Amino acid sequence: MELVKTGDFLQWAAARGIVPDPAYQDWPAQAPLTYAGVPSLRRRWLTPEGAFNLPNFAWCLLGCAAPDCAVFLFVKGGAPWFTGSSPGIGPEWEHLRDRVVGTLPIPRDFSGALKVALLESHDVVLLMVTFLVYAWCVADDLQIVPENGAVIMETSHHGDVVVHFPDEERMNSFVGEMSECGFPAYHEEDAG
């Protein structure tokens, strides 16, 4: 696992056409990463109903996004990895999240990106599940970008995962692979 300063990560991302969404210029800390200069192509996945299936869901997302390369993980807007919560101070979910994040070699005061090698994918899955379970605000949304820049995934404090795509071909391929894994994309009309 490599620590990457926020500015260095955003420079790396910009070189691949990935930028903080300009629609959020008044709220840069809430700006999700997006592809510059292309129409917004994205799909959403709801987390599985059974909590036991969250790791499998995260593995499938990661496998479809980055089957053979490292990934960058970035808390939205460059927010800190740790909430600073402790028992008796702050919400319990923040304390629990900090305990899980604290099992990895991430300094307590670090707020940049993590570059995680393919061989450390289990750490990526651990963080994805942790941020899905213990997120409650925008600063808890975790963005995952494969080193090849093929997609931008974001775990949301709303209990879903949004994936951004640079083109329709990549989107259709990803949606198909996720469906084959048993996790079809969410469609508004499915809500009833």
C-alpha atoms as a PDB file:
ATOM      1  CA  MET A   1       0.000   0.000   0.000  1.00  0.00           C
ATOM      2  CA  GLU A   2       1.362   3.361  -1.038  1.00  0.00           C
ATOM      3  CA  LEU A   3       0.295   6.727   0.402  1.00  0.00           C
ATOM      4  CA  VAL A   4      -0.320   9.391  -2.266  1.00  0.00           C
ATOM      5  CA  LYS A   5      -0.820  13.059  -1.400  1.00  0.00           C
ATOM      6  CA  THR A   6      -4.151  14.516  -2.536  1.00  0.00           C
ATOM      7  CA  GLY A   7      -2.549  16.919  -5.013  1.00  0.00           C
ATOM      8  CA  ASP A   8      -0.428  14.161  -6.540  1.00  0.00           C
ATOM      9  CA  PHE A   9      -3.440  11.859  -6.861  1.00  0.00           C
ATOM     10  CA  LEU A  10      -5.606  14.546  -8.475  1.00  0.00           C
ATOM     11  CA  GLN A  11      -2.758  15.365 -10.879  1.00  0.00           C
ATOM     12  CA  TRP A  12      -2.453  11.666 -11.782  1.00  0.00           C
ATOM     13  CA  ALA A  13      -6.231  11.465 -12.275  1.00  0.00           C
ATOM     14  CA  ALA A  14      -6.391  14.641 -14.392  1.00  0.00           C
ATOM     15  CA  ALA A  15      -3.767  13.192 -16.743  1.00  0.00           C
ATOM     16  CA  ARG A  16      -6.286  10.394 -17.402  1.00  0.00           C
ATOM     17  CA  GLY A  17      -9.243  12.739 -17.868  1.00  0.00           C
ATOM     18  CA  ILE A  18     -10.617  12.189 -14.345  1.00  0.00           C
ATOM     19  CA  VAL A  19     -11.463  15.344 -12.414  1.00  0.00           C
ATOM     20  CA  PRO A  20     -13.606  16.492  -9.478  1.00  0.00           C
ATOM     21  CA  ASP A  21     -17.067  17.148 -10.922  1.00  0.00           C
ATOM     22  CA  PRO A  22     -17.147  20.860 -11.898  1.00  0.00           C
ATOM     23  CA  ALA A  23     -20.859  20.966 -11.017  1.00  0.00           C
ATOM     24  CA  TYR A  24     -19.690  20.936  -7.372  1.00  0.00           C
ATOM     25  CA  GLN A  25     -17.360  23.939  -7.623  1.00  0.00           C
ATOM     26  CA  ASP A  26     -19.159  25.622  -4.704  1.00  0.00           C
ATOM     27  CA  TRP A  27     -18.746  22.457  -2.580  1.00  0.00           C
ATOM     28  CA  PRO A  28     -15.332  21.006  -3.507  1.00  0.00           C
ATOM     29  CA  ALA A  29     -15.336  18.678  -0.492  1.00  0.00           C
ATOM     30  CA  GLN A  30     -18.448  17.011  -1.923  1.00  0.00           C
ATOM     31  CA  ALA A  31     -17.259  16.788  -5.529  1.00  0.00           C
ATOM     32  CA  PRO A  32     -17.259  13.227  -6.852  1.00  0.00           C
ATOM     33  CA  LEU A  33     -14.658  12.301  -9.423  1.00  0.00           C
ATOM     34  CA  THR A  34     -15.939  12.183 -12.988  1.00  0.00           C
ATOM     35  CA  TYR A  35     -14.646  11.992 -16.549  1.00  0.00           C
ATOM     36  CA  ALA A  36     -13.901  15.416 -18.032  1.00  0.00           C
ATOM     37  CA  GLY A  37     -15.494  16.412 -21.299  1.00  0.00           C
ATOM     38  CA  VAL A  38     -17.766  13.407 -21.757  1.00  0.00           C
ATOM     39  CA  PRO A  39     -21.461  13.006 -20.985  1.00  0.00           C
ATOM     40  CA  SER A  40     -22.146  11.491 -17.586  1.00  0.00           C
ATOM     41  CA  LEU A  41     -22.482   7.738 -17.959  1.00  0.00           C
ATOM     42  CA  ARG A  42     -23.147   5.979 -14.687  1.00  0.00           C
ATOM     43  CA  ARG A  43     -25.026   3.099 -13.164  1.00  0.00           C
ATOM     44  CA  ARG A  44     -25.993   2.363  -9.598  1.00  0.00           C
ATOM     45  CA  TRP A  45     -25.967  -0.838  -7.576  1.00  0.00           C
ATOM     46  CA  LEU A  46     -27.830  -1.279  -4.315  1.00  0.00           C
ATOM     47  CA  THR A  47     -26.030  -3.227  -1.628  1.00  0.00           C
ATOM     48  CA  PRO A  48     -27.232  -6.809  -1.229  1.00  0.00           C
ATOM     49  CA  GLU A  49     -30.118  -7.419   1.151  1.00  0.00           C
ATOM     50  CA  GLY A  50     -28.122  -9.902   3.229  1.00  0.00           C
ATOM     51  CA  ALA A  51     -25.199  -8.253   5.010  1.00  0.00           C
ATOM     52  CA  PHE A  52     -23.230 -11.514   4.729  1.00  0.00           C
ATOM     53  CA  ASN A  53     -23.076 -10.904   0.953  1.00  0.00           C
ATOM     54  CA  LEU A  54     -21.370  -7.493   1.155  1.00  0.00           C
ATOM     55  CA  PRO A  55     -17.836  -8.906   0.714  1.00  0.00           C
ATOM     56  CA  ASN A  56     -18.900 -10.893  -2.379  1.00  0.00           C
ATOM     57  CA  PHE A  57     -20.568  -7.763  -3.780  1.00  0.00           C
ATOM     58  CA  ALA A  58     -17.359  -5.761  -3.216  1.00  0.00           C
ATOM     59  CA  TRP A  59     -15.208  -8.527  -4.755  1.00  0.00           C
ATOM     60  CA  CYS A  60     -17.428  -8.566  -7.857  1.00  0.00           C
ATOM     61  CA  LEU A  61     -17.248  -4.775  -8.228  1.00  0.00           C
ATOM     62  CA  LEU A  62     -13.489  -4.829  -7.835  1.00  0.00           C
ATOM     63  CA  GLY A  63     -13.095  -7.765 -10.236  1.00  0.00           C
ATOM     64  CA  CYS A  64     -15.155  -6.010 -12.912  1.00  0.00           C
ATOM     65  CA  ALA A  65     -13.330  -2.695 -12.402  1.00  0.00           C
ATOM     66  CA  ALA A  66      -9.725  -3.808 -11.964  1.00  0.00           C
ATOM     67  CA  PRO A  67      -9.157  -7.491 -12.653  1.00  0.00           C
ATOM     68  CA  ASP A  68      -5.432  -7.057 -13.241  1.00  0.00           C
ATOM     69  CA  CYS A  69      -4.167  -3.732 -11.908  1.00  0.00           C
ATOM     70  CA  ALA A  70      -3.671  -1.652  -8.791  1.00  0.00           C
ATOM     71  CA  VAL A  71      -6.365   0.745  -7.612  1.00  0.00           C
ATOM     72  CA  PHE A  72      -6.432   4.131  -5.941  1.00  0.00           C
ATOM     73  CA  LEU A  73      -8.798   4.679  -3.014  1.00  0.00           C
ATOM     74  CA  PHE A  74      -9.742   8.240  -2.154  1.00  0.00           C
ATOM     75  CA  VAL A  75     -12.201   9.503   0.430  1.00  0.00           C
ATOM     76  CA  LYS A  76     -14.395  12.033  -1.381  1.00  0.00           C
ATOM     77  CA  GLY A  77     -12.924  15.515  -1.524  1.00  0.00           C
ATOM     78  CA  GLY A  78      -9.735  14.371   0.188  1.00  0.00           C
ATOM     79  CA  ALA A  79     -11.432  13.911   3.559  1.00  0.00           C
ATOM     80  CA  PRO A  80      -9.351  12.224   6.288  1.00  0.00           C
ATOM     81  CA  TRP A  81      -9.304   8.452   6.495  1.00  0.00           C
ATOM     82  CA  PHE A  82      -9.942   8.598  10.246  1.00  0.00           C
ATOM     83  CA  THR A  83     -12.861  10.363  11.901  1.00  0.00           C
ATOM     84  CA  GLY A  84     -11.010  10.939  15.170  1.00  0.00           C
ATOM     85  CA  SER A  85     -13.796   9.321  17.140  1.00  0.00           C
ATOM     86  CA  SER A  86     -13.137   7.374  20.303  1.00  0.00           C
ATOM     87  CA  PRO A  87     -15.300   5.390  22.716  1.00  0.00           C
ATOM     88  CA  GLY A  88     -17.709   7.693  24.496  1.00  0.00           C
ATOM     89  CA  ILE A  89     -16.939  10.561  22.100  1.00  0.00           C
ATOM     90  CA  GLY A  90     -18.713  10.718  18.778  1.00  0.00           C
ATOM     91  CA  PRO A  91     -21.050   8.244  17.125  1.00  0.00           C
ATOM     92  CA  GLU A  92     -20.302   4.540  17.537  1.00  0.00           C
ATOM     93  CA  TRP A  93     -20.184   3.943  13.769  1.00  0.00           C
ATOM     94  CA  GLU A  94     -17.291   6.427  13.489  1.00  0.00           C
ATOM     95  CA  HIS A  95     -15.387   4.668  16.268  1.00  0.00           C
ATOM     96  CA  LEU A  96     -15.947   1.287  14.621  1.00  0.00           C
ATOM     97  CA  ARG A  97     -14.876   2.571  11.206  1.00  0.00           C
ATOM     98  CA  ASP A  98     -11.682   4.014  12.717  1.00  0.00           C
ATOM     99  CA  ARG A  99     -10.935   0.685  14.384  1.00  0.00           C
ATOM    100  CA  VAL A 100     -11.223  -1.175  11.080  1.00  0.00           C
ATOM    101  CA  VAL A 101      -9.237   1.426   9.102  1.00  0.00           C
ATOM    102  CA  GLY A 102      -6.648   1.342  11.900  1.00  0.00           C
ATOM    103  CA  THR A 103      -5.832  -2.293  11.089  1.00  0.00           C
ATOM    104  CA  LEU A 104      -4.148  -1.082   7.889  1.00  0.00           C
ATOM    105  CA  PRO A 105      -0.895   0.904   7.615  1.00  0.00           C
ATOM    106  CA  ILE A 106      -2.638   4.276   7.227  1.00  0.00           C
ATOM    107  CA  PRO A 107      -1.343   7.138   9.405  1.00  0.00           C
ATOM    108  CA  ARG A 108      -3.984   8.725  11.654  1.00  0.00           C
ATOM    109  CA  ASP A 109      -3.471  12.165  10.103  1.00  0.00           C
ATOM    110  CA  PHE A 110      -3.449  11.024   6.456  1.00  0.00           C
ATOM    111  CA  SER A 111      -6.055  12.400   4.051  1.00  0.00           C
ATOM    112  CA  GLY A 112      -4.730  11.539   0.575  1.00  0.00           C
ATOM    113  CA  ALA A 113      -5.218   8.547  -1.696  1.00  0.00           C
ATOM    114  CA  LEU A 114      -4.077   4.995  -1.159  1.00  0.00           C
ATOM    115  CA  LYS A 115      -2.544   3.110  -4.060  1.00  0.00           C
ATOM    116  CA  VAL A 116      -3.218  -0.555  -3.401  1.00  0.00           C
ATOM    117  CA  ALA A 117      -1.530  -3.307  -5.415  1.00  0.00           C
ATOM    118  CA  LEU A 118      -3.481  -6.145  -6.999  1.00  0.00           C
ATOM    119  CA  LEU A 119      -1.970  -8.544  -4.441  1.00  0.00           C
ATOM    120  CA  GLU A 120      -3.563  -6.470  -1.657  1.00  0.00           C
ATOM    121  CA  SER A 121      -7.100  -6.634  -3.073  1.00  0.00           C
ATOM    122  CA  HIS A 122      -8.418  -8.041   0.201  1.00  0.00           C
ATOM    123  CA  ASP A 123      -7.584  -4.669   1.811  1.00  0.00           C
ATOM    124  CA  VAL A 124      -9.578  -2.875  -0.886  1.00  0.00           C
ATOM    125  CA  VAL A 125     -12.582  -5.124  -0.234  1.00  0.00           C
ATOM    126  CA  LEU A 126     -12.232  -4.570   3.537  1.00  0.00           C
ATOM    127  CA  LEU A 127     -12.282  -0.792   3.041  1.00  0.00           C
ATOM    128  CA  MET A 128     -15.177  -0.897   0.558  1.00  0.00           C
ATOM    129  CA  VAL A 129     -17.310  -2.928   2.967  1.00  0.00           C
ATOM    130  CA  THR A 130     -16.294  -0.757   5.928  1.00  0.00           C
ATOM    131  CA  PHE A 131     -17.242   2.448   4.147  1.00  0.00           C
ATOM    132  CA  LEU A 132     -20.544   0.948   2.962  1.00  0.00           C
ATOM    133  CA  VAL A 133     -21.456  -0.134   6.494  1.00  0.00           C
ATOM    134  CA  TYR A 134     -20.131   2.803   8.533  1.00  0.00           C
ATOM    135  CA  ALA A 135     -20.823   5.775   6.255  1.00  0.00           C
ATOM    136  CA  TRP A 136     -23.340   8.435   7.167  1.00  0.00           C
ATOM    137  CA  CYS A 137     -22.324  11.599   5.262  1.00  0.00           C
ATOM    138  CA  VAL A 138     -20.717  12.768   2.010  1.00  0.00           C
ATOM    139  CA  ALA A 139     -17.244  12.779   3.581  1.00  0.00           C
ATOM    140  CA  ASP A 140     -17.645   9.015   4.096  1.00  0.00           C
ATOM    141  CA  ASP A 141     -18.030   8.223   0.393  1.00  0.00           C
ATOM    142  CA  LEU A 142     -15.084   6.176  -0.857  1.00  0.00           C
ATOM    143  CA  GLN A 143     -13.955   6.500  -4.470  1.00  0.00           C
ATOM    144  CA  ILE A 144     -12.048   3.683  -6.159  1.00  0.00           C
ATOM    145  CA  VAL A 145     -10.185   4.271  -9.434  1.00  0.00           C
ATOM    146  CA  PRO A 146      -8.258   1.473 -11.154  1.00  0.00           C
ATOM    147  CA  GLU A 147      -4.758   2.404 -12.281  1.00  0.00           C
ATOM    148  CA  ASN A 148      -5.936   1.996 -15.889  1.00  0.00           C
ATOM    149  CA  GLY A 149      -8.675   4.634 -15.328  1.00  0.00           C
ATOM    150  CA  ALA A 150     -11.342   2.329 -16.817  1.00  0.00           C
ATOM    151  CA  VAL A 151     -14.080   3.262 -14.306  1.00  0.00           C
ATOM    152  CA  ILE A 152     -14.681   5.366 -11.206  1.00  0.00           C
ATOM    153  CA  MET A 153     -16.518   3.574  -8.397  1.00  0.00           C
ATOM    154  CA  GLU A 154     -17.998   5.308  -5.376  1.00  0.00           C
ATOM    155  CA  THR A 155     -19.432   3.717  -2.273  1.00  0.00           C
ATOM    156  CA  SER A 156     -22.193   5.974  -1.020  1.00  0.00           C
ATOM    157  CA  HIS A 157     -23.453   6.818   2.432  1.00  0.00           C
ATOM    158  CA  HIS A 158     -26.893   6.100   0.940  1.00  0.00           C
ATOM    159  CA  GLY A 159     -26.073   2.386   0.856  1.00  0.00           C
ATOM    160  CA  ASP A 160     -25.312   1.972  -2.799  1.00  0.00           C
ATOM    161  CA  VAL A 161     -22.401   2.058  -5.226  1.00  0.00           C
ATOM    162  CA  VAL A 162     -22.303   4.400  -8.209  1.00  0.00           C
ATOM    163  CA  VAL A 163     -19.963   3.578 -11.082  1.00  0.00           C
ATOM    164  CA  HIS A 164     -18.951   6.195 -13.682  1.00  0.00           C
ATOM    165  CA  PHE A 165     -17.818   5.161 -17.158  1.00  0.00           C
ATOM    166  CA  PRO A 166     -15.843   6.922 -19.899  1.00  0.00           C
ATOM    167  CA  ASP A 167     -17.916   5.356 -22.691  1.00  0.00           C
ATOM    168  CA  GLU A 168     -20.951   3.182 -23.386  1.00  0.00           C
ATOM    169  CA  GLU A 169     -18.921   0.144 -24.404  1.00  0.00           C
ATOM    170  CA  ARG A 170     -17.186   0.007 -21.012  1.00  0.00           C
ATOM    171  CA  MET A 171     -20.489   0.629 -19.220  1.00  0.00           C
ATOM    172  CA  ASN A 172     -22.293  -2.177 -21.035  1.00  0.00           C
ATOM    173  CA  SER A 173     -19.428  -4.595 -20.410  1.00  0.00           C
ATOM    174  CA  PHE A 174     -19.296  -3.762 -16.689  1.00  0.00           C
ATOM    175  CA  VAL A 175     -23.093  -3.988 -16.259  1.00  0.00           C
ATOM    176  CA  GLY A 176     -23.084  -7.371 -18.013  1.00  0.00           C
ATOM    177  CA  GLU A 177     -20.255  -8.740 -15.861  1.00  0.00           C
ATOM    178  CA  MET A 178     -21.980  -7.599 -12.670  1.00  0.00           C
ATOM    179  CA  SER A 179     -25.241  -9.213 -13.790  1.00  0.00           C
ATOM    180  CA  GLU A 180     -23.381 -12.472 -14.422  1.00  0.00           C
ATOM    181  CA  CYS A 181     -22.126 -12.245 -10.816  1.00  0.00           C
ATOM    182  CA  GLY A 182     -25.744 -11.969  -9.644  1.00  0.00           C
ATOM    183  CA  PHE A 183     -25.695  -8.208  -9.030  1.00  0.00           C
ATOM    184  CA  PRO A 184     -27.737  -6.437 -11.713  1.00  0.00           C
ATOM    185  CA  ALA A 185     -27.654  -2.642 -11.891  1.00  0.00           C
ATOM    186  CA  TYR A 186     -30.490  -0.823 -10.166  1.00  0.00           C
ATOM    187  CA  HIS A 187     -33.148   0.728 -12.383  1.00  0.00           C
ATOM    188  CA  GLU A 188     -35.574   3.345 -11.046  1.00  0.00           C
ATOM    189  CA  GLU A 189     -38.494   1.402 -12.519  1.00  0.00           C
ATOM    190  CA  ASP A 190     -37.493  -1.577 -10.320  1.00  0.00           C
ATOM    191  CA  ALA A 191     -38.539   0.443  -7.261  1.00  0.00           C
ATOM    192  CA  GLY A 192     -42.167  -0.230  -8.039  1.00  0.00           C
END
